[in-house]
Amino acid sequence: MTDRRQTLKIEVFFDFRDDGGLRAWSPDVPELVLSHSDPRKVIDDVPAALEMILSAKFDCAIRIDVDGDTTSVIDEIRAHGRDLSKAAAHEFTAIAA
């Protein structure tokens, strides 16, 4: 991923914790595991966490673009309830900077 034209789509899943907080993880980037009592903070922290993890992994600067609006993520999670097979997902794009 050292070529500036290369991009990588990353799917990040979100689900509520029992205490009302939020978890985020990605099968595309197993090192990404975030959790916080404030759901908005988890969502907001995903791009920076992905940039740090992927920059170290690929040994180059990586920029993360958020695909679409993340404000609907919490509503999507509530719609799925506690069914982890239907955890809300959001796509992010990694771009060599």
PDB file of N, CA and C in Angstrom:
ATOM      1  N   MET A   1       0.824  -1.191   0.000  1.00  0.00           N
ATOM      2  CA  MET A   1       0.000   0.000   0.000  1.00  0.00           C
ATOM      3  C   MET A   1       0.866   1.251   0.000  1.00  0.00           C
ATOM      4  N   THR A   2       2.037   1.193  -0.579  1.00  0.00           N
ATOM      5  CA  THR A   2       2.925   2.353  -0.607  1.00  0.00           C
ATOM      6  C   THR A   2       2.655   3.245  -1.810  1.00  0.00           C
ATOM      7  N   ASP A   3       1.928   2.761  -2.803  1.00  0.00           N
ATOM      8  CA  ASP A   3       1.572   3.557  -3.963  1.00  0.00           C
ATOM      9  C   ASP A   3       0.454   4.517  -3.570  1.00  0.00           C
ATOM     10  N   ARG A   4       0.631   5.816  -3.863  1.00  0.00           N
ATOM     11  CA  ARG A   4      -0.343   6.831  -3.461  1.00  0.00           C
ATOM     12  C   ARG A   4      -1.730   6.607  -4.058  1.00  0.00           C
ATOM     13  N   ARG A   5      -1.827   5.855  -5.119  1.00  0.00           N
ATOM     14  CA  ARG A   5      -3.126   5.625  -5.746  1.00  0.00           C
ATOM     15  C   ARG A   5      -3.880   4.470  -5.103  1.00  0.00           C
ATOM     16  N   GLN A   6      -3.244   3.718  -4.280  1.00  0.00           N
ATOM     17  CA  GLN A   6      -3.896   2.559  -3.689  1.00  0.00           C
ATOM     18  C   GLN A   6      -4.808   2.961  -2.536  1.00  0.00           C
ATOM     19  N   THR A   7      -5.954   2.303  -2.497  1.00  0.00           N
ATOM     20  CA  THR A   7      -6.877   2.502  -1.384  1.00  0.00           C
ATOM     21  C   THR A   7      -7.299   1.133  -0.859  1.00  0.00           C
ATOM     22  N   LEU A   8      -7.804   1.138   0.354  1.00  0.00           N
ATOM     23  CA  LEU A   8      -8.246  -0.084   0.996  1.00  0.00           C
ATOM     24  C   LEU A   8      -9.549   0.220   1.716  1.00  0.00           C
ATOM     25  N   LYS A   9     -10.604  -0.522   1.417  1.00  0.00           N
ATOM     26  CA  LYS A   9     -11.892  -0.366   2.096  1.00  0.00           C
ATOM     27  C   LYS A   9     -11.856  -1.203   3.371  1.00  0.00           C
ATOM     28  N   ILE A  10     -12.291  -0.607   4.462  1.00  0.00           N
ATOM     29  CA  ILE A  10     -12.283  -1.276   5.759  1.00  0.00           C
ATOM     30  C   ILE A  10     -13.688  -1.202   6.344  1.00  0.00           C
ATOM     31  N   GLU A  11     -14.235  -2.350   6.673  1.00  0.00           N
ATOM     32  CA  GLU A  11     -15.544  -2.394   7.293  1.00  0.00           C
ATOM     33  C   GLU A  11     -15.363  -2.499   8.806  1.00  0.00           C
ATOM     34  N   VAL A  12     -15.987  -1.565   9.514  1.00  0.00           N
ATOM     35  CA  VAL A  12     -15.910  -1.530  10.973  1.00  0.00           C
ATOM     36  C   VAL A  12     -17.310  -1.805  11.512  1.00  0.00           C
ATOM     37  N   PHE A  13     -17.386  -2.717  12.482  1.00  0.00           N
ATOM     38  CA  PHE A  13     -18.655  -3.092  13.093  1.00  0.00           C
ATOM     39  C   PHE A  13     -18.788  -2.440  14.461  1.00  0.00           C
ATOM     40  N   PHE A  14     -20.020  -2.099  14.812  1.00  0.00           N
ATOM     41  CA  PHE A  14     -20.319  -1.450  16.089  1.00  0.00           C
ATOM     42  C   PHE A  14     -21.457  -2.189  16.775  1.00  0.00           C
ATOM     43  N   ASP A  15     -21.348  -2.341  18.093  1.00  0.00           N
ATOM     44  CA  ASP A  15     -22.485  -2.845  18.858  1.00  0.00           C
ATOM     45  C   ASP A  15     -22.437  -2.284  20.270  1.00  0.00           C
ATOM     46  N   PHE A  16     -23.622  -2.188  20.881  1.00  0.00           N
ATOM     47  CA  PHE A  16     -23.712  -1.662  22.235  1.00  0.00           C
ATOM     48  C   PHE A  16     -23.183  -2.658  23.255  1.00  0.00           C
ATOM     49  N   ARG A  17     -22.563  -2.125  24.290  1.00  0.00           N
ATOM     50  CA  ARG A  17     -22.149  -2.931  25.443  1.00  0.00           C
ATOM     51  C   ARG A  17     -23.345  -3.026  26.390  1.00  0.00           C
ATOM     52  N   ASP A  18     -23.267  -3.941  27.340  1.00  0.00           N
ATOM     53  CA  ASP A  18     -24.360  -4.104  28.304  1.00  0.00           C
ATOM     54  C   ASP A  18     -24.621  -2.843  29.128  1.00  0.00           C
ATOM     55  N   ASP A  19     -23.581  -2.036  29.338  1.00  0.00           N
ATOM     56  CA  ASP A  19     -23.739  -0.817  30.138  1.00  0.00           C
ATOM     57  C   ASP A  19     -24.154   0.399  29.309  1.00  0.00           C
ATOM     58  N   GLY A  20     -24.471   0.189  28.023  1.00  0.00           N
ATOM     59  CA  GLY A  20     -24.888   1.296  27.161  1.00  0.00           C
ATOM     60  C   GLY A  20     -23.750   1.911  26.374  1.00  0.00           C
ATOM     61  N   GLY A  21     -22.523   1.512  26.681  1.00  0.00           N
ATOM     62  CA  GLY A  21     -21.375   1.993  25.912  1.00  0.00           C
ATOM     63  C   GLY A  21     -21.344   1.326  24.546  1.00  0.00           C
ATOM     64  N   LEU A  22     -20.296   1.557  23.809  1.00  0.00           N
ATOM     65  CA  LEU A  22     -20.203   1.051  22.442  1.00  0.00           C
ATOM     66  C   LEU A  22     -18.861   0.379  22.218  1.00  0.00           C
ATOM     67  N   ARG A  23     -18.869  -0.672  21.395  1.00  0.00           N
ATOM     68  CA  ARG A  23     -17.657  -1.372  20.962  1.00  0.00           C
ATOM     69  C   ARG A  23     -17.538  -1.217  19.454  1.00  0.00           C
ATOM     70  N   ALA A  24     -16.282  -1.174  18.983  1.00  0.00           N
ATOM     71  CA  ALA A  24     -16.007  -1.171  17.540  1.00  0.00           C
ATOM     72  C   ALA A  24     -14.891  -2.168  17.273  1.00  0.00           C
ATOM     73  N   TRP A  25     -15.024  -2.913  16.166  1.00  0.00           N
ATOM     74  CA  TRP A  25     -13.984  -3.863  15.763  1.00  0.00           C
ATOM     75  C   TRP A  25     -14.078  -4.050  14.261  1.00  0.00           C
ATOM     76  N   SER A  26     -13.026  -4.642  13.698  1.00  0.00           N
ATOM     77  CA  SER A  26     -13.013  -4.876  12.260  1.00  0.00           C
ATOM     78  C   SER A  26     -12.311  -6.190  11.939  1.00  0.00           C
ATOM     79  N   PRO A  27     -12.974  -7.067  11.183  1.00  0.00           N
ATOM     80  CA  PRO A  27     -12.283  -8.270  10.731  1.00  0.00           C
ATOM     81  C   PRO A  27     -11.185  -7.937   9.710  1.00  0.00           C
ATOM     82  N   ASP A  28     -11.301  -6.762   9.071  1.00  0.00           N
ATOM     83  CA  ASP A  28     -10.286  -6.332   8.100  1.00  0.00           C
ATOM     84  C   ASP A  28      -9.009  -5.862   8.790  1.00  0.00           C
ATOM     85  N   VAL A  29      -9.147  -5.325   9.989  1.00  0.00           N
ATOM     86  CA  VAL A  29      -8.009  -4.825  10.780  1.00  0.00           C
ATOM     87  C   VAL A  29      -8.193  -5.373  12.195  1.00  0.00           C
ATOM     88  N   PRO A  30      -7.756  -6.615  12.438  1.00  0.00           N
ATOM     89  CA  PRO A  30      -8.005  -7.249  13.736  1.00  0.00           C
ATOM     90  C   PRO A  30      -7.426  -6.487  14.926  1.00  0.00           C
ATOM     91  N   GLU A  31      -6.440  -5.643  14.683  1.00  0.00           N
ATOM     92  CA  GLU A  31      -5.840  -4.860  15.773  1.00  0.00           C
ATOM     93  C   GLU A  31      -6.796  -3.773  16.273  1.00  0.00           C
ATOM     94  N   LEU A  32      -7.815  -3.445  15.503  1.00  0.00           N
ATOM     95  CA  LEU A  32      -8.763  -2.395  15.883  1.00  0.00           C
ATOM     96  C   LEU A  32      -9.822  -2.969  16.825  1.00  0.00           C
ATOM     97  N   VAL A  33      -9.755  -2.552  18.069  1.00  0.00           N
ATOM     98  CA  VAL A  33     -10.776  -2.881  19.059  1.00  0.00           C
ATOM     99  C   VAL A  33     -10.905  -1.642  19.939  1.00  0.00           C
ATOM    100  N   LEU A  34     -12.041  -0.988  19.847  1.00  0.00           N
ATOM    101  CA  LEU A  34     -12.291   0.214  20.649  1.00  0.00           C
ATOM    102  C   LEU A  34     -13.533  -0.008  21.494  1.00  0.00           C
ATOM    103  N   SER A  35     -13.561   0.613  22.661  1.00  0.00           N
ATOM    104  CA  SER A  35     -14.709   0.507  23.545  1.00  0.00           C
ATOM    105  C   SER A  35     -14.713   1.728  24.455  1.00  0.00           C
ATOM    106  N   HIS A  36     -15.904   2.273  24.680  1.00  0.00           N
ATOM    107  CA  HIS A  36     -16.017   3.444  25.546  1.00  0.00           C
ATOM    108  C   HIS A  36     -17.447   3.533  26.050  1.00  0.00           C
ATOM    109  N   SER A  37     -17.631   4.166  27.198  1.00  0.00           N
ATOM    110  CA  SER A  37     -18.975   4.358  27.736  1.00  0.00           C
ATOM    111  C   SER A  37     -19.769   5.378  26.918  1.00  0.00           C
ATOM    112  N   ASP A  38     -19.080   6.253  26.188  1.00  0.00           N
ATOM    113  CA  ASP A  38     -19.731   7.253  25.339  1.00  0.00           C
ATOM    114  C   ASP A  38     -19.679   6.772  23.884  1.00  0.00           C
ATOM    115  N   PRO A  39     -20.811   6.335  23.326  1.00  0.00           N
ATOM    116  CA  PRO A  39     -20.820   5.801  21.956  1.00  0.00           C
ATOM    117  C   PRO A  39     -20.230   6.754  20.913  1.00  0.00           C
ATOM    118  N   ARG A  40     -20.493   8.029  21.048  1.00  0.00           N
ATOM    119  CA  ARG A  40     -19.995   8.998  20.063  1.00  0.00           C
ATOM    120  C   ARG A  40     -18.464   9.017  20.046  1.00  0.00           C
ATOM    121  N   LYS A  41     -17.841   8.875  21.214  1.00  0.00           N
ATOM    122  CA  LYS A  41     -16.372   8.892  21.285  1.00  0.00           C
ATOM    123  C   LYS A  41     -15.772   7.698  20.552  1.00  0.00           C
ATOM    124  N   VAL A  42     -16.414   6.541  20.641  1.00  0.00           N
ATOM    125  CA  VAL A  42     -15.914   5.365  19.921  1.00  0.00           C
ATOM    126  C   VAL A  42     -15.953   5.642  18.417  1.00  0.00           C
ATOM    127  N   ILE A  43     -17.088   6.116  17.941  1.00  0.00           N
ATOM    128  CA  ILE A  43     -17.249   6.390  16.507  1.00  0.00           C
ATOM    129  C   ILE A  43     -16.231   7.426  16.049  1.00  0.00           C
ATOM    130  N   ASP A  44     -16.070   8.492  16.831  1.00  0.00           N
ATOM    131  CA  ASP A  44     -15.142   9.559  16.461  1.00  0.00           C
ATOM    132  C   ASP A  44     -13.683   9.116  16.495  1.00  0.00           C
ATOM    133  N   ASP A  45     -13.351   8.115  17.335  1.00  0.00           N
ATOM    134  CA  ASP A  45     -11.966   7.657  17.470  1.00  0.00           C
ATOM    135  C   ASP A  45     -11.529   6.663  16.393  1.00  0.00           C
ATOM    136  N   VAL A  46     -12.481   6.095  15.661  1.00  0.00           N
ATOM    137  CA  VAL A  46     -12.136   5.070  14.676  1.00  0.00           C
ATOM    138  C   VAL A  46     -11.143   5.562  13.622  1.00  0.00           C
ATOM    139  N   PRO A  47     -11.365   6.710  12.957  1.00  0.00           N
ATOM    140  CA  PRO A  47     -10.405   7.121  11.924  1.00  0.00           C
ATOM    141  C   PRO A  47      -8.968   7.272  12.436  1.00  0.00           C
ATOM    142  N   ALA A  48      -8.792   7.917  13.578  1.00  0.00           N
ATOM    143  CA  ALA A  48      -7.434   8.111  14.113  1.00  0.00           C
ATOM    144  C   ALA A  48      -6.796   6.777  14.485  1.00  0.00           C
ATOM    145  N   ALA A  49      -7.588   5.869  15.064  1.00  0.00           N
ATOM    146  CA  ALA A  49      -7.048   4.557  15.429  1.00  0.00           C
ATOM    147  C   ALA A  49      -6.632   3.780  14.184  1.00  0.00           C
ATOM    148  N   LEU A  50      -7.464   3.813  13.148  1.00  0.00           N
ATOM    149  CA  LEU A  50      -7.115   3.125  11.899  1.00  0.00           C
ATOM    150  C   LEU A  50      -5.869   3.726  11.268  1.00  0.00           C
ATOM    151  N   GLU A  51      -5.765   5.051  11.283  1.00  0.00           N
ATOM    152  CA  GLU A  51      -4.567   5.701  10.722  1.00  0.00           C
ATOM    153  C   GLU A  51      -3.313   5.233  11.444  1.00  0.00           C
ATOM    154  N   MET A  52      -3.355   5.188  12.754  1.00  0.00           N
ATOM    155  CA  MET A  52      -2.182   4.784  13.532  1.00  0.00           C
ATOM    156  C   MET A  52      -1.832   3.312  13.265  1.00  0.00           C
ATOM    157  N   ILE A  53      -2.814   2.444  13.314  1.00  0.00           N
ATOM    158  CA  ILE A  53      -2.569   1.010  13.112  1.00  0.00           C
ATOM    159  C   ILE A  53      -2.035   0.740  11.708  1.00  0.00           C
ATOM    160  N   LEU A  54      -2.698   1.298  10.694  1.00  0.00           N
ATOM    161  CA  LEU A  54      -2.311   0.998   9.312  1.00  0.00           C
ATOM    162  C   LEU A  54      -1.009   1.681   8.906  1.00  0.00           C
ATOM    163  N   SER A  55      -0.747   2.874   9.439  1.00  0.00           N
ATOM    164  CA  SER A  55       0.527   3.543   9.153  1.00  0.00           C
ATOM    165  C   SER A  55       1.691   2.699   9.663  1.00  0.00           C
ATOM    166  N   ALA A  56       1.536   2.123  10.853  1.00  0.00           N
ATOM    167  CA  ALA A  56       2.588   1.265  11.403  1.00  0.00           C
ATOM    168  C   ALA A  56       2.690  -0.037  10.610  1.00  0.00           C
ATOM    169  N   LYS A  57       1.555  -0.588  10.226  1.00  0.00           N
ATOM    170  CA  LYS A  57       1.534  -1.865   9.513  1.00  0.00           C
ATOM    171  C   LYS A  57       2.181  -1.762   8.126  1.00  0.00           C
ATOM    172  N   PHE A  58       1.891  -0.663   7.410  1.00  0.00           N
ATOM    173  CA  PHE A  58       2.395  -0.496   6.046  1.00  0.00           C
ATOM    174  C   PHE A  58       3.639   0.390   5.964  1.00  0.00           C
ATOM    175  N   ASP A  59       4.087   0.914   7.109  1.00  0.00           N
ATOM    176  CA  ASP A  59       5.286   1.756   7.183  1.00  0.00           C
ATOM    177  C   ASP A  59       5.208   2.955   6.237  1.00  0.00           C
ATOM    178  N   CYS A  60       4.031   3.573   6.203  1.00  0.00           N
ATOM    179  CA  CYS A  60       3.851   4.814   5.447  1.00  0.00           C
ATOM    180  C   CYS A  60       2.661   5.560   6.042  1.00  0.00           C
ATOM    181  N   ALA A  61       2.571   6.832   5.728  1.00  0.00           N
ATOM    182  CA  ALA A  61       1.460   7.626   6.255  1.00  0.00           C
ATOM    183  C   ALA A  61       0.156   7.191   5.588  1.00  0.00           C
ATOM    184  N   ILE A  62      -0.852   6.953   6.392  1.00  0.00           N
ATOM    185  CA  ILE A  62      -2.169   6.547   5.913  1.00  0.00           C
ATOM    186  C   ILE A  62      -3.189   7.577   6.373  1.00  0.00           C
ATOM    187  N   ARG A  63      -4.067   7.957   5.470  1.00  0.00           N
ATOM    188  CA  ARG A  63      -5.175   8.861   5.798  1.00  0.00           C
ATOM    189  C   ARG A  63      -6.459   8.056   5.691  1.00  0.00           C
ATOM    190  N   ILE A  64      -7.381   8.278   6.600  1.00  0.00           N
ATOM    191  CA  ILE A  64      -8.654   7.571   6.595  1.00  0.00           C
ATOM    192  C   ILE A  64      -9.767   8.532   6.201  1.00  0.00           C
ATOM    193  N   ASP A  65     -10.522   8.145   5.198  1.00  0.00           N
ATOM    194  CA  ASP A  65     -11.724   8.877   4.816  1.00  0.00           C
ATOM    195  C   ASP A  65     -12.929   8.117   5.339  1.00  0.00           C
ATOM    196  N   VAL A  66     -13.859   8.837   5.907  1.00  0.00           N
ATOM    197  CA  VAL A  66     -15.100   8.233   6.387  1.00  0.00           C
ATOM    198  C   VAL A  66     -16.069   8.210   5.206  1.00  0.00           C
ATOM    199  N   ASP A  67     -16.542   7.022   4.868  1.00  0.00           N
ATOM    200  CA  ASP A  67     -17.490   6.887   3.759  1.00  0.00           C
ATOM    201  C   ASP A  67     -18.899   7.129   4.284  1.00  0.00           C
ATOM    202  N   GLY A  68     -19.460   8.262   3.907  1.00  0.00           N
ATOM    203  CA  GLY A  68     -20.814   8.584   4.352  1.00  0.00           C
ATOM    204  C   GLY A  68     -20.819   9.257   5.712  1.00  0.00           C
ATOM    205  N   ASP A  69     -21.995   9.332   6.281  1.00  0.00           N
ATOM    206  CA  ASP A  69     -22.227  10.048   7.532  1.00  0.00           C
ATOM    207  C   ASP A  69     -22.287   9.070   8.694  1.00  0.00           C
ATOM    208  N   THR A  70     -21.457   9.267   9.697  1.00  0.00           N
ATOM    209  CA  THR A  70     -21.440   8.356  10.850  1.00  0.00           C
ATOM    210  C   THR A  70     -22.532   8.676  11.863  1.00  0.00           C
ATOM    211  N   THR A  71     -23.267   9.764  11.678  1.00  0.00           N
ATOM    212  CA  THR A  71     -24.296  10.105  12.669  1.00  0.00           C
ATOM    213  C   THR A  71     -25.406   9.064  12.715  1.00  0.00           C
ATOM    214  N   SER A  72     -25.585   8.302  11.656  1.00  0.00           N
ATOM    215  CA  SER A  72     -26.642   7.292  11.636  1.00  0.00           C
ATOM    216  C   SER A  72     -26.209   5.971  12.274  1.00  0.00           C
ATOM    217  N   VAL A  73     -24.934   5.830  12.598  1.00  0.00           N
ATOM    218  CA  VAL A  73     -24.430   4.558  13.141  1.00  0.00           C
ATOM    219  C   VAL A  73     -25.167   4.171  14.417  1.00  0.00           C
ATOM    220  N   ILE A  74     -25.341   5.101  15.338  1.00  0.00           N
ATOM    221  CA  ILE A  74     -25.996   4.785  16.607  1.00  0.00           C
ATOM    222  C   ILE A  74     -27.440   4.348  16.363  1.00  0.00           C
ATOM    223  N   ASP A  75     -28.151   5.012  15.460  1.00  0.00           N
ATOM    224  CA  ASP A  75     -29.527   4.605  15.140  1.00  0.00           C
ATOM    225  C   ASP A  75     -29.558   3.209  14.526  1.00  0.00           C
ATOM    226  N   GLU A  76     -28.587   2.901  13.663  1.00  0.00           N
ATOM    227  CA  GLU A  76     -28.522   1.568  13.049  1.00  0.00           C
ATOM    228  C   GLU A  76     -28.296   0.500  14.110  1.00  0.00           C
ATOM    229  N   ILE A  77     -27.442   0.781  15.077  1.00  0.00           N
ATOM    230  CA  ILE A  77     -27.156  -0.183  16.137  1.00  0.00           C
ATOM    231  C   ILE A  77     -28.413  -0.417  16.974  1.00  0.00           C
ATOM    232  N   ARG A  78     -29.105   0.652  17.306  1.00  0.00           N
ATOM    233  CA  ARG A  78     -30.337   0.505  18.093  1.00  0.00           C
ATOM    234  C   ARG A  78     -31.359  -0.330  17.331  1.00  0.00           C
ATOM    235  N   ALA A  79     -31.418  -0.171  16.019  1.00  0.00           N
ATOM    236  CA  ALA A  79     -32.375  -0.924  15.205  1.00  0.00           C
ATOM    237  C   ALA A  79     -32.069  -2.421  15.238  1.00  0.00           C
ATOM    238  N   HIS A  80     -30.794  -2.783  15.353  1.00  0.00           N
ATOM    239  CA  HIS A  80     -30.399  -4.186  15.374  1.00  0.00           C
ATOM    240  C   HIS A  80     -30.488  -4.797  16.765  1.00  0.00           C
ATOM    241  N   GLY A  81     -30.600  -3.946  17.787  1.00  0.00           N
ATOM    242  CA  GLY A  81     -30.677  -4.461  19.152  1.00  0.00           C
ATOM    243  C   GLY A  81     -29.415  -5.200  19.542  1.00  0.00           C
ATOM    244  N   ARG A  82     -29.560  -6.293  20.248  1.00  0.00           N
ATOM    245  CA  ARG A  82     -28.412  -7.052  20.755  1.00  0.00           C
ATOM    246  C   ARG A  82     -28.031  -8.207  19.840  1.00  0.00           C
ATOM    247  N   ASP A  83     -28.606  -8.276  18.665  1.00  0.00           N
ATOM    248  CA  ASP A  83     -28.295  -9.368  17.731  1.00  0.00           C
ATOM    249  C   ASP A  83     -26.936  -9.091  17.090  1.00  0.00           C
ATOM    250  N   LEU A  84     -25.879  -9.738  17.614  1.00  0.00           N
ATOM    251  CA  LEU A  84     -24.521  -9.475  17.131  1.00  0.00           C
ATOM    252  C   LEU A  84     -24.321  -9.912  15.693  1.00  0.00           C
ATOM    253  N   SER A  85     -25.178 -10.807  15.203  1.00  0.00           N
ATOM    254  CA  SER A  85     -25.054 -11.191  13.795  1.00  0.00           C
ATOM    255  C   SER A  85     -25.503 -10.052  12.882  1.00  0.00           C
ATOM    256  N   LYS A  86     -26.140  -9.047  13.482  1.00  0.00           N
ATOM    257  CA  LYS A  86     -26.601  -7.898  12.705  1.00  0.00           C
ATOM    258  C   LYS A  86     -26.010  -6.600  13.241  1.00  0.00           C
ATOM    259  N   ALA A  87     -24.806  -6.656  13.756  1.00  0.00           N
ATOM    260  CA  ALA A  87     -24.149  -5.453  14.259  1.00  0.00           C
ATOM    261  C   ALA A  87     -24.032  -4.441  13.130  1.00  0.00           C
ATOM    262  N   ALA A  88     -24.226  -3.183  13.457  1.00  0.00           N
ATOM    263  CA  ALA A  88     -24.149  -2.142  12.444  1.00  0.00           C
ATOM    264  C   ALA A  88     -22.720  -2.014  11.940  1.00  0.00           C
ATOM    265  N   ALA A  89     -22.586  -1.820  10.648  1.00  0.00           N
ATOM    266  CA  ALA A  89     -21.262  -1.681  10.050  1.00  0.00           C
ATOM    267  C   ALA A  89     -21.176  -0.346   9.323  1.00  0.00           C
ATOM    268  N   HIS A  90     -19.969   0.176   9.263  1.00  0.00           N
ATOM    269  CA  HIS A  90     -19.716   1.406   8.509  1.00  0.00           C
ATOM    270  C   HIS A  90     -18.399   1.224   7.768  1.00  0.00           C
ATOM    271  N   GLU A  91     -18.321   1.776   6.582  1.00  0.00           N
ATOM    272  CA  GLU A  91     -17.115   1.597   5.771  1.00  0.00           C
ATOM    273  C   GLU A  91     -16.222   2.831   5.846  1.00  0.00           C
ATOM    274  N   PHE A  92     -14.925   2.564   5.939  1.00  0.00           N
ATOM    275  CA  PHE A  92     -13.900   3.597   5.950  1.00  0.00           C
ATOM    276  C   PHE A  92     -12.920   3.279   4.831  1.00  0.00           C
ATOM    277  N   THR A  93     -12.266   4.298   4.278  1.00  0.00           N
ATOM    278  CA  THR A  93     -11.300   4.091   3.204  1.00  0.00           C
ATOM    279  C   THR A  93      -9.920   4.556   3.664  1.00  0.00           C
ATOM    280  N   ALA A  94      -8.952   3.658   3.562  1.00  0.00           N
ATOM    281  CA  ALA A  94      -7.566   3.989   3.872  1.00  0.00           C
ATOM    282  C   ALA A  94      -6.868   4.390   2.591  1.00  0.00           C
ATOM    283  N   ILE A  95      -6.136   5.503   2.624  1.00  0.00           N
ATOM    284  CA  ILE A  95      -5.446   6.028   1.454  1.00  0.00           C
ATOM    285  C   ILE A  95      -4.014   6.338   1.846  1.00  0.00           C
ATOM    286  N   ALA A  96      -3.065   5.833   1.069  1.00  0.00           N
ATOM    287  CA  ALA A  96      -1.668   6.165   1.312  1.00  0.00           C
ATOM    288  C   ALA A  96      -1.503   7.663   1.110  1.00  0.00           C
ATOM    289  N   ALA A  97      -0.991   8.358   2.136  1.00  0.00           N
ATOM    290  CA  ALA A  97      -0.881   9.817   2.086  1.00  0.00           C
ATOM    291  C   ALA A  97       0.453  10.252   1.517  1.00  0.00           C
TER     292      ALA A  97
END
